[in-house]
C-alpha atoms as a PDB file:
ATOM      1  CA  MET A   1      91.466  35.703 -30.945  1.00  0.00           C
ATOM      2  CA  LYS A   2      87.765  36.317 -31.471  1.00  0.00           C
ATOM      3  CA  GLU A   3      85.101  33.643 -31.211  1.00  0.00           C
ATOM      4  CA  ASP A   4      84.532  33.788 -34.988  1.00  0.00           C
ATOM      5  CA  THR A   5      88.058  32.400 -35.536  1.00  0.00           C
ATOM      6  CA  PRO A   6      86.932  29.568 -37.887  1.00  0.00           C
ATOM      7  CA  MET A   7      85.186  31.984 -40.288  1.00  0.00           C
ATOM      8  CA  THR A   8      88.141  34.371 -40.232  1.00  0.00           C
ATOM      9  CA  PHE A   9      90.505  31.429 -40.733  1.00  0.00           C
ATOM     10  CA  LEU A  10      88.800  30.440 -43.968  1.00  0.00           C
ATOM     11  CA  ARG A  11      89.694  33.792 -45.494  1.00  0.00           C
ATOM     12  CA  LEU A  12      93.398  33.488 -44.729  1.00  0.00           C
ATOM     13  CA  GLY A  13      95.910  32.776 -47.527  1.00  0.00           C
ATOM     14  CA  ARG A  14      97.419  29.345 -48.000  1.00  0.00           C
ATOM     15  CA  TRP A  15     100.645  30.077 -46.182  1.00  0.00           C
ATOM     16  CA  ALA A  16      98.879  31.727 -43.280  1.00  0.00           C
ATOM     17  CA  ILE A  17      96.757  28.599 -42.926  1.00  0.00           C
ATOM     18  CA  LEU A  18      99.794  26.364 -42.715  1.00  0.00           C
ATOM     19  CA  ILE A  19     101.541  28.659 -40.257  1.00  0.00           C
ATOM     20  CA  LEU A  20      98.522  28.878 -37.992  1.00  0.00           C
ATOM     21  CA  LEU A  21      98.017  25.129 -38.193  1.00  0.00           C
ATOM     22  CA  ALA A  22     101.575  24.584 -37.039  1.00  0.00           C
ATOM     23  CA  THR A  23     101.033  27.024 -34.190  1.00  0.00           C
ATOM     24  CA  VAL A  24      97.899  25.236 -33.036  1.00  0.00           C
ATOM     25  CA  SER A  25      99.539  21.849 -33.278  1.00  0.00           C
ATOM     26  CA  LEU A  26     102.429  22.939 -31.114  1.00  0.00           C
ATOM     27  CA  GLY A  27     100.084  23.647 -28.237  1.00  0.00           C
ATOM     28  CA  ASN A  28     102.033  26.672 -26.990  1.00  0.00           C
ATOM     29  CA  ALA A  29     101.125  27.503 -23.402  1.00  0.00           C
ATOM     30  CA  ALA A  30     100.716  31.146 -24.435  1.00  0.00           C
ATOM     31  CA  ASP A  31      98.171  30.256 -27.112  1.00  0.00           C
ATOM     32  CA  PRO A  32      94.884  32.021 -26.297  1.00  0.00           C
ATOM     33  CA  LEU A  33      92.771  29.439 -28.141  1.00  0.00           C
ATOM     34  CA  THR A  34      90.437  27.336 -26.084  1.00  0.00           C
ATOM     35  CA  PRO A  35      90.262  23.568 -26.683  1.00  0.00           C
ATOM     36  CA  ALA A  36      86.989  24.043 -28.556  1.00  0.00           C
ATOM     37  CA  GLN A  37      88.514  26.725 -30.748  1.00  0.00           C
ATOM     38  CA  LYS A  38      91.507  24.502 -31.508  1.00  0.00           C
ATOM     39  CA  ASP A  39      89.212  21.676 -32.559  1.00  0.00           C
ATOM     40  CA  ALA A  40      87.269  24.056 -34.776  1.00  0.00           C
ATOM     41  CA  VAL A  41      90.441  25.356 -36.406  1.00  0.00           C
ATOM     42  CA  ARG A  42      91.757  21.837 -37.023  1.00  0.00           C
ATOM     43  CA  GLU A  43      88.448  20.846 -38.627  1.00  0.00           C
ATOM     44  CA  VAL A  44      88.500  23.872 -40.902  1.00  0.00           C
ATOM     45  CA  VAL A  45      92.121  23.190 -41.886  1.00  0.00           C
ATOM     46  CA  ARG A  46      91.335  19.528 -42.516  1.00  0.00           C
ATOM     47  CA  ASP A  47      88.417  20.385 -44.773  1.00  0.00           C
ATOM     48  CA  TYR A  48      90.434  23.061 -46.555  1.00  0.00           C
ATOM     49  CA  LEU A  49      93.354  20.725 -47.289  1.00  0.00           C
ATOM     50  CA  ILE A  50      91.069  17.940 -48.471  1.00  0.00           C
ATOM     51  CA  ASN A  51      89.403  20.333 -50.894  1.00  0.00           C
ATOM     52  CA  ASN A  52      92.681  22.065 -51.828  1.00  0.00           C
ATOM     53  CA  PRO A  53      95.447  19.416 -51.792  1.00  0.00           C
ATOM     54  CA  GLU A  54      97.591  21.624 -54.017  1.00  0.00           C
ATOM     55  CA  VAL A  55      98.372  23.641 -50.878  1.00  0.00           C
ATOM     56  CA  LEU A  56     100.421  20.744 -49.532  1.00  0.00           C
ATOM     57  CA  ILE A  57     102.081  20.257 -52.918  1.00  0.00           C
ATOM     58  CA  ASP A  58     103.004  23.949 -53.040  1.00  0.00           C
ATOM     59  CA  ALA A  59     104.409  23.777 -49.508  1.00  0.00           C
ATOM     60  CA  LEU A  60     106.435  20.650 -50.272  1.00  0.00           C
ATOM     61  CA  GLN A  61     107.843  22.132 -53.477  1.00  0.00           C
ATOM     62  CA  ALA A  62     108.778  25.342 -51.692  1.00  0.00           C
ATOM     63  CA  TYR A  63     110.488  23.361 -48.942  1.00  0.00           C
ATOM     64  CA  GLN A  64     112.399  21.270 -51.482  1.00  0.00           C
ATOM     65  CA  ALA A  65     113.496  24.388 -53.347  1.00  0.00           C
ATOM     66  CA  ARG A  66     114.767  26.010 -50.154  1.00  0.00           C
ATOM     67  CA  ALA A  67     116.534  22.825 -49.106  1.00  0.00           C
ATOM     68  CA  ALA A  68     118.196  22.501 -52.527  1.00  0.00           C
ATOM     69  CA  GLU A  69     119.293  26.136 -52.402  1.00  0.00           C
ATOM     70  CA  GLU A  70     120.767  25.682 -48.938  1.00  0.00           C
ATOM     71  CA  THR A  71     122.570  22.506 -50.000  1.00  0.00           C
ATOM     72  CA  GLN A  72     124.025  24.305 -53.003  1.00  0.00           C
ATOM     73  CA  LYS A  73     125.262  27.168 -50.816  1.00  0.00           C
ATOM     74  CA  GLN A  74     126.930  24.746 -48.422  1.00  0.00           C
ATOM     75  CA  GLN A  75     128.446  22.838 -51.335  1.00  0.00           C
ATOM     76  CA  GLN A  76     129.872  25.991 -52.898  1.00  0.00           C
ATOM     77  CA  ALA A  77     131.421  26.995 -49.591  1.00  0.00           C
ATOM     78  CA  ALA A  78     132.957  23.535 -49.244  1.00  0.00           C
ATOM     79  CA  LEU A  79     134.320  23.614 -52.801  1.00  0.00           C
ATOM     80  CA  SER A  80     136.030  26.893 -52.040  1.00  0.00           C
ATOM     81  CA  GLN A  81     137.337  25.671 -48.693  1.00  0.00           C
ATOM     82  CA  PHE A  82     138.772  22.434 -50.102  1.00  0.00           C
ATOM     83  CA  ARG A  83     139.892  23.672 -53.515  1.00  0.00           C
ATOM     84  CA  GLU A  84     143.581  23.168 -52.787  1.00  0.00           C
ATOM     85  CA  GLN A  85     143.006  19.587 -51.663  1.00  0.00           C
ATOM     86  CA  LEU A  86     140.794  18.944 -54.678  1.00  0.00           C
ATOM     87  CA  GLU A  87     143.206  20.239 -57.279  1.00  0.00           C
ATOM     88  CA  ARG A  88     146.712  20.112 -55.768  1.00  0.00           C
ATOM     89  CA  ASP A  89     146.927  17.080 -53.504  1.00  0.00           C
ATOM     90  CA  PRO A  90     150.194  15.344 -54.517  1.00  0.00           C
ATOM     91  CA  THR A  91     148.751  11.923 -53.676  1.00  0.00           C
ATOM     92  CA  SER A  92     146.122  12.285 -56.416  1.00  0.00           C
ATOM     93  CA  PRO A  93     147.100  11.317 -59.971  1.00  0.00           C
ATOM     94  CA  VAL A  94     147.264  14.182 -62.475  1.00  0.00           C
ATOM     95  CA  VAL A  95     147.353  13.838 -66.264  1.00  0.00           C
ATOM     96  CA  GLY A  96     146.892  16.207 -69.150  1.00  0.00           C
ATOM     97  CA  ALA A  97     148.447  19.677 -69.079  1.00  0.00           C
ATOM     98  CA  ALA A  98     150.483  20.153 -65.908  1.00  0.00           C
ATOM     99  CA  ASN A  99     149.816  23.899 -66.013  1.00  0.00           C
ATOM    100  CA  GLY A 100     146.415  23.805 -67.694  1.00  0.00           C
ATOM    101  CA  ASP A 101     144.137  26.781 -67.267  1.00  0.00           C
ATOM    102  CA  VAL A 102     141.212  24.556 -66.201  1.00  0.00           C
ATOM    103  CA  THR A 103     141.303  21.645 -63.767  1.00  0.00           C
ATOM    104  CA  ILE A 104     138.806  18.800 -63.948  1.00  0.00           C
ATOM    105  CA  VAL A 105     138.583  16.617 -60.867  1.00  0.00           C
ATOM    106  CA  GLU A 106     136.793  13.279 -61.088  1.00  0.00           C
ATOM    107  CA  PHE A 107     135.834  11.022 -58.208  1.00  0.00           C
ATOM    108  CA  LEU A 108     135.636   7.506 -59.643  1.00  0.00           C
ATOM    109  CA  ASP A 109     135.427   3.811 -58.900  1.00  0.00           C
ATOM    110  CA  TYR A 110     136.867   1.189 -61.251  1.00  0.00           C
ATOM    111  CA  ARG A 111     133.807  -1.023 -60.716  1.00  0.00           C
ATOM    112  CA  CYS A 112     131.392   1.801 -61.551  1.00  0.00           C
ATOM    113  CA  THR A 113     129.492   1.206 -64.789  1.00  0.00           C
ATOM    114  CA  TYR A 114     128.804   4.911 -65.211  1.00  0.00           C
ATOM    115  CA  CYS A 115     132.478   5.790 -64.690  1.00  0.00           C
ATOM    116  CA  LYS A 116     133.346   3.388 -67.482  1.00  0.00           C
ATOM    117  CA  LYS A 117     130.593   4.882 -69.635  1.00  0.00           C
ATOM    118  CA  VAL A 118     131.903   8.437 -69.237  1.00  0.00           C
ATOM    119  CA  PHE A 119     135.563   7.461 -69.615  1.00  0.00           C
ATOM    120  CA  PRO A 120     135.639   7.892 -73.447  1.00  0.00           C
ATOM    121  CA  ALA A 121     134.166  11.390 -73.106  1.00  0.00           C
ATOM    122  CA  VAL A 122     136.879  12.395 -70.656  1.00  0.00           C
ATOM    123  CA  GLN A 123     139.577  10.991 -72.938  1.00  0.00           C
ATOM    124  CA  GLU A 124     138.162  12.775 -75.977  1.00  0.00           C
ATOM    125  CA  LEU A 125     138.137  16.046 -74.093  1.00  0.00           C
ATOM    126  CA  LEU A 126     141.750  15.636 -72.942  1.00  0.00           C
ATOM    127  CA  LYS A 127     142.828  14.687 -76.439  1.00  0.00           C
ATOM    128  CA  ASN A 128     141.195  17.663 -78.129  1.00  0.00           C
ATOM    129  CA  ASP A 129     141.878  20.288 -75.483  1.00  0.00           C
ATOM    130  CA  GLY A 130     145.539  20.515 -74.579  1.00  0.00           C
ATOM    131  CA  ASN A 131     145.059  22.987 -71.748  1.00  0.00           C
ATOM    132  CA  ILE A 132     143.248  20.847 -69.161  1.00  0.00           C
ATOM    133  CA  ARG A 133     144.612  19.352 -65.962  1.00  0.00           C
ATOM    134  CA  TYR A 134     142.769  16.151 -65.099  1.00  0.00           C
ATOM    135  CA  VAL A 135     142.888  15.042 -61.464  1.00  0.00           C
ATOM    136  CA  VAL A 136     141.727  11.569 -60.479  1.00  0.00           C
ATOM    137  CA  LYS A 137     140.302  11.049 -57.008  1.00  0.00           C
ATOM    138  CA  GLU A 138     140.319   7.319 -56.399  1.00  0.00           C
ATOM    139  CA  PHE A 139     137.029   6.807 -54.559  1.00  0.00           C
ATOM    140  CA  PRO A 140     136.339   3.066 -54.173  1.00  0.00           C
ATOM    141  CA  ILE A 141     132.847   2.648 -52.753  1.00  0.00           C
ATOM    142  CA  LEU A 142     131.216  -0.223 -54.605  1.00  0.00           C
ATOM    143  CA  SER A 143     133.082  -3.393 -53.658  1.00  0.00           C
ATOM    144  CA  PRO A 144     136.278  -4.884 -52.209  1.00  0.00           C
ATOM    145  CA  GLU A 145     137.502  -5.170 -55.804  1.00  0.00           C
ATOM    146  CA  SER A 146     137.109  -1.409 -56.104  1.00  0.00           C
ATOM    147  CA  VAL A 147     139.442  -0.921 -53.157  1.00  0.00           C
ATOM    148  CA  VAL A 148     142.097  -3.265 -54.552  1.00  0.00           C
ATOM    149  CA  ALA A 149     141.983  -1.559 -57.961  1.00  0.00           C
ATOM    150  CA  ALA A 150     142.259   1.893 -56.388  1.00  0.00           C
ATOM    151  CA  LYS A 151     145.227   0.810 -54.275  1.00  0.00           C
ATOM    152  CA  ALA A 152     146.946  -0.593 -57.350  1.00  0.00           C
ATOM    153  CA  ALA A 153     146.337   2.613 -59.294  1.00  0.00           C
ATOM    154  CA  LEU A 154     147.763   4.761 -56.508  1.00  0.00           C
ATOM    155  CA  ALA A 155     150.720   2.414 -56.173  1.00  0.00           C
ATOM    156  CA  VAL A 156     151.476   2.880 -59.873  1.00  0.00           C
ATOM    157  CA  TRP A 157     151.110   6.646 -59.533  1.00  0.00           C
ATOM    158  CA  ARG A 158     153.548   6.704 -56.617  1.00  0.00           C
ATOM    159  CA  LYS A 159     156.165   4.408 -58.156  1.00  0.00           C
ATOM    160  CA  THR A 160     155.808   4.808 -61.934  1.00  0.00           C
ATOM    161  CA  PRO A 161     153.707   7.903 -62.713  1.00  0.00           C
ATOM    162  CA  ALA A 162     154.559   7.737 -66.416  1.00  0.00           C
ATOM    163  CA  LYS A 163     152.648   4.439 -66.589  1.00  0.00           C
ATOM    164  CA  TYR A 164     149.659   5.588 -64.567  1.00  0.00           C
ATOM    165  CA  MET A 165     147.444   6.609 -67.473  1.00  0.00           C
ATOM    166  CA  ALA A 166     148.047   3.355 -69.338  1.00  0.00           C
ATOM    167  CA  PHE A 167     147.153   1.381 -66.225  1.00  0.00           C
ATOM    168  CA  HIS A 168     144.172   3.609 -65.471  1.00  0.00           C
ATOM    169  CA  THR A 169     142.891   3.146 -69.016  1.00  0.00           C
ATOM    170  CA  ALA A 170     143.316  -0.629 -68.826  1.00  0.00           C
ATOM    171  CA  LEU A 171     141.332  -0.759 -65.572  1.00  0.00           C
ATOM    172  CA  MET A 172     138.576   1.496 -66.903  1.00  0.00           C
ATOM    173  CA  THR A 173     138.168  -0.570 -70.056  1.00  0.00           C
ATOM    174  CA  ALA A 174     138.502  -3.975 -68.366  1.00  0.00           C
ATOM    175  CA  ARG A 175     135.457  -6.218 -68.421  1.00  0.00           C
ATOM    176  CA  GLY A 176     134.539  -8.872 -65.893  1.00  0.00           C
ATOM    177  CA  THR A 177     135.882  -9.143 -62.373  1.00  0.00           C
ATOM    178  CA  LEU A 178     138.857  -7.224 -61.046  1.00  0.00           C
ATOM    179  CA  SER A 179     140.345  -9.734 -58.658  1.00  0.00           C
ATOM    180  CA  ASP A 180     143.770  -9.199 -57.121  1.00  0.00           C
ATOM    181  CA  THR A 181     145.240 -11.603 -59.666  1.00  0.00           C
ATOM    182  CA  ARG A 182     143.553  -9.949 -62.631  1.00  0.00           C
ATOM    183  CA  ILE A 183     144.618  -6.466 -61.524  1.00  0.00           C
ATOM    184  CA  LEU A 184     148.269  -7.527 -61.314  1.00  0.00           C
ATOM    185  CA  GLU A 185     147.952  -9.239 -64.687  1.00  0.00           C
ATOM    186  CA  ILE A 186     146.743  -5.939 -66.137  1.00  0.00           C
ATOM    187  CA  ALA A 187     149.755  -4.229 -64.560  1.00  0.00           C
ATOM    188  CA  GLY A 188     152.035  -6.663 -66.377  1.00  0.00           C
ATOM    189  CA  GLU A 189     150.136  -6.168 -69.637  1.00  0.00           C
ATOM    190  CA  VAL A 190     150.890  -2.426 -69.644  1.00  0.00           C
ATOM    191  CA  GLY A 191     154.587  -2.998 -68.964  1.00  0.00           C
ATOM    192  CA  LEU A 192     154.700  -2.721 -65.186  1.00  0.00           C
ATOM    193  CA  ASP A 193     156.439  -5.027 -62.731  1.00  0.00           C
ATOM    194  CA  ALA A 194     153.419  -6.807 -61.251  1.00  0.00           C
ATOM    195  CA  LYS A 195     155.274  -7.938 -58.124  1.00  0.00           C
ATOM    196  CA  ALA A 196     156.518  -4.415 -57.474  1.00  0.00           C
ATOM    197  CA  VAL A 197     152.982  -3.060 -57.847  1.00  0.00           C
ATOM    198  CA  GLY A 198     151.674  -5.688 -55.433  1.00  0.00           C
ATOM    199  CA  ALA A 199     154.314  -4.753 -52.870  1.00  0.00           C
ATOM    200  CA  ALA A 200     153.719  -1.014 -53.293  1.00  0.00           C
ATOM    201  CA  MET A 201     149.986  -1.477 -52.686  1.00  0.00           C
ATOM    202  CA  LYS A 202     150.753  -2.368 -49.065  1.00  0.00           C
ATOM    203  CA  ASP A 203     152.226   1.056 -48.313  1.00  0.00           C
ATOM    204  CA  PRO A 204     150.214   2.617 -45.435  1.00  0.00           C
ATOM    205  CA  GLU A 205     150.308   5.960 -47.230  1.00  0.00           C
ATOM    206  CA  ILE A 206     148.018   4.546 -49.901  1.00  0.00           C
ATOM    207  CA  ASN A 207     145.359   3.701 -47.308  1.00  0.00           C
ATOM    208  CA  ALA A 208     145.825   7.211 -45.918  1.00  0.00           C
ATOM    209  CA  ALA A 209     145.301   8.733 -49.378  1.00  0.00           C
ATOM    210  CA  LEU A 210     142.089   6.757 -49.901  1.00  0.00           C
ATOM    211  CA  ALA A 211     140.825   7.742 -46.461  1.00  0.00           C
ATOM    212  CA  LYS A 212     141.517  11.382 -47.286  1.00  0.00           C
ATOM    213  CA  ASN A 213     139.549  11.087 -50.519  1.00  0.00           C
ATOM    214  CA  HIS A 214     136.602   9.613 -48.641  1.00  0.00           C
ATOM    215  CA  GLU A 215     136.703  12.438 -46.095  1.00  0.00           C
ATOM    216  CA  LEU A 216     136.856  14.995 -48.895  1.00  0.00           C
ATOM    217  CA  ALA A 217     133.886  13.403 -50.663  1.00  0.00           C
ATOM    218  CA  GLN A 218     131.918  13.477 -47.422  1.00  0.00           C
ATOM    219  CA  SER A 219     132.741  17.160 -46.925  1.00  0.00           C
ATOM    220  CA  LEU A 220     131.428  17.878 -50.426  1.00  0.00           C
ATOM    221  CA  ASN A 221     128.372  15.637 -49.988  1.00  0.00           C
ATOM    222  CA  ILE A 222     129.521  13.387 -52.837  1.00  0.00           C
ATOM    223  CA  GLN A 223     127.693  10.092 -52.404  1.00  0.00           C
ATOM    224  CA  GLY A 224     128.289   8.313 -55.693  1.00  0.00           C
ATOM    225  CA  THR A 225     130.485   8.010 -58.746  1.00  0.00           C
ATOM    226  CA  PRO A 226     131.339   9.525 -61.064  1.00  0.00           C
ATOM    227  CA  ALA A 227     131.353  13.069 -59.718  1.00  0.00           C
ATOM    228  CA  PHE A 228     133.127  15.954 -61.434  1.00  0.00           C
ATOM    229  CA  VAL A 229     134.372  19.272 -60.101  1.00  0.00           C
ATOM    230  CA  VAL A 230     135.062  21.833 -62.824  1.00  0.00           C
ATOM    231  CA  GLY A 231     135.745  25.483 -62.182  1.00  0.00           C
ATOM    232  CA  GLY A 232     134.073  25.558 -58.808  1.00  0.00           C
ATOM    233  CA  ARG A 233     131.047  23.541 -59.924  1.00  0.00           C
ATOM    234  CA  LEU A 234     130.204  20.063 -58.679  1.00  0.00           C
ATOM    235  CA  VAL A 235     128.448  17.890 -61.254  1.00  0.00           C
ATOM    236  CA  PRO A 236     127.416  14.391 -60.129  1.00  0.00           C
ATOM    237  CA  GLY A 237     126.786  11.562 -62.559  1.00  0.00           C
ATOM    238  CA  ALA A 238     127.943  10.564 -66.018  1.00  0.00           C
ATOM    239  CA  VAL A 239     128.054  13.544 -68.362  1.00  0.00           C
ATOM    240  CA  GLY A 240     128.747  13.606 -72.081  1.00  0.00           C
ATOM    241  CA  VAL A 241     131.658  15.279 -73.808  1.00  0.00           C
ATOM    242  CA  ASP A 242     129.517  18.237 -74.883  1.00  0.00           C
ATOM    243  CA  ALA A 243     128.487  18.907 -71.288  1.00  0.00           C
ATOM    244  CA  LEU A 244     132.118  18.673 -70.192  1.00  0.00           C
ATOM    245  CA  ARG A 245     133.122  21.161 -72.893  1.00  0.00           C
ATOM    246  CA  GLU A 246     130.452  23.566 -71.674  1.00  0.00           C
ATOM    247  CA  LEU A 247     131.713  23.260 -68.094  1.00  0.00           C
ATOM    248  CA  VAL A 248     135.271  23.922 -69.233  1.00  0.00           C
ATOM    249  CA  ALA A 249     134.178  26.929 -71.312  1.00  0.00           C
ATOM    250  CA  ALA A 250     132.241  28.342 -68.352  1.00  0.00           C
ATOM    251  CA  ALA A 251     135.281  27.867 -66.104  1.00  0.00           C
ATOM    252  CA  ARG A 252     137.470  29.744 -68.558  1.00  0.00           C
ATOM    253  CA  LYS A 253     135.051  32.654 -68.591  1.00  0.00           C
ATOM    254  CA  GLY A 254     135.284  32.768 -64.816  1.00  0.00           C
END
């Protein structure tokens, strides 16, 4: 590099500046810059960034965009890889149309305020669209009560699947704490044998099912509830019925 490096450097574009700065900072043994030249370049870069802070903002936004794009690609690959487990795992409760043309998968927690908030939207959609399979992934992450409720729900699904939706609805609409006692009371209120539910909750296969759901969520980078998977799209957070309808319509179009 010539001795007039600092003057040449000033005329470089924003990205070239950042690239060269990174190169100088690395201190590569093959770098032909002398210590004095490096100091001069750093001073020019410092002055440039102070006077043009939008360069850093542009770089950060570009990095975030690339990172988001990469995350989305990885997520789509994972959704494809784990589609069978998402939609057809026999340990996961299924309601709605058994042979529906669109499957909605929801990861939920019975102590999640947002899951409770979105529950009416899901029910409205199932009621008005008779061609949807709805798969529940019990994903207790918020509290010990969440775990107990999820175990109870899976126990009901295993032993009395016809009563699952009534029990699920009662848990989603329950207010206050969900202690062991209260959960079994709710089971009795919807016509279940509370003692039988309590005994079924101890089945090791229920713990295995919950562990599998957690592993699946980790593979899909799902970190909270609710989270929906519809037609190969992962949508985190509480969404309204109109948004759900749009997702279903898009899935039907392919």
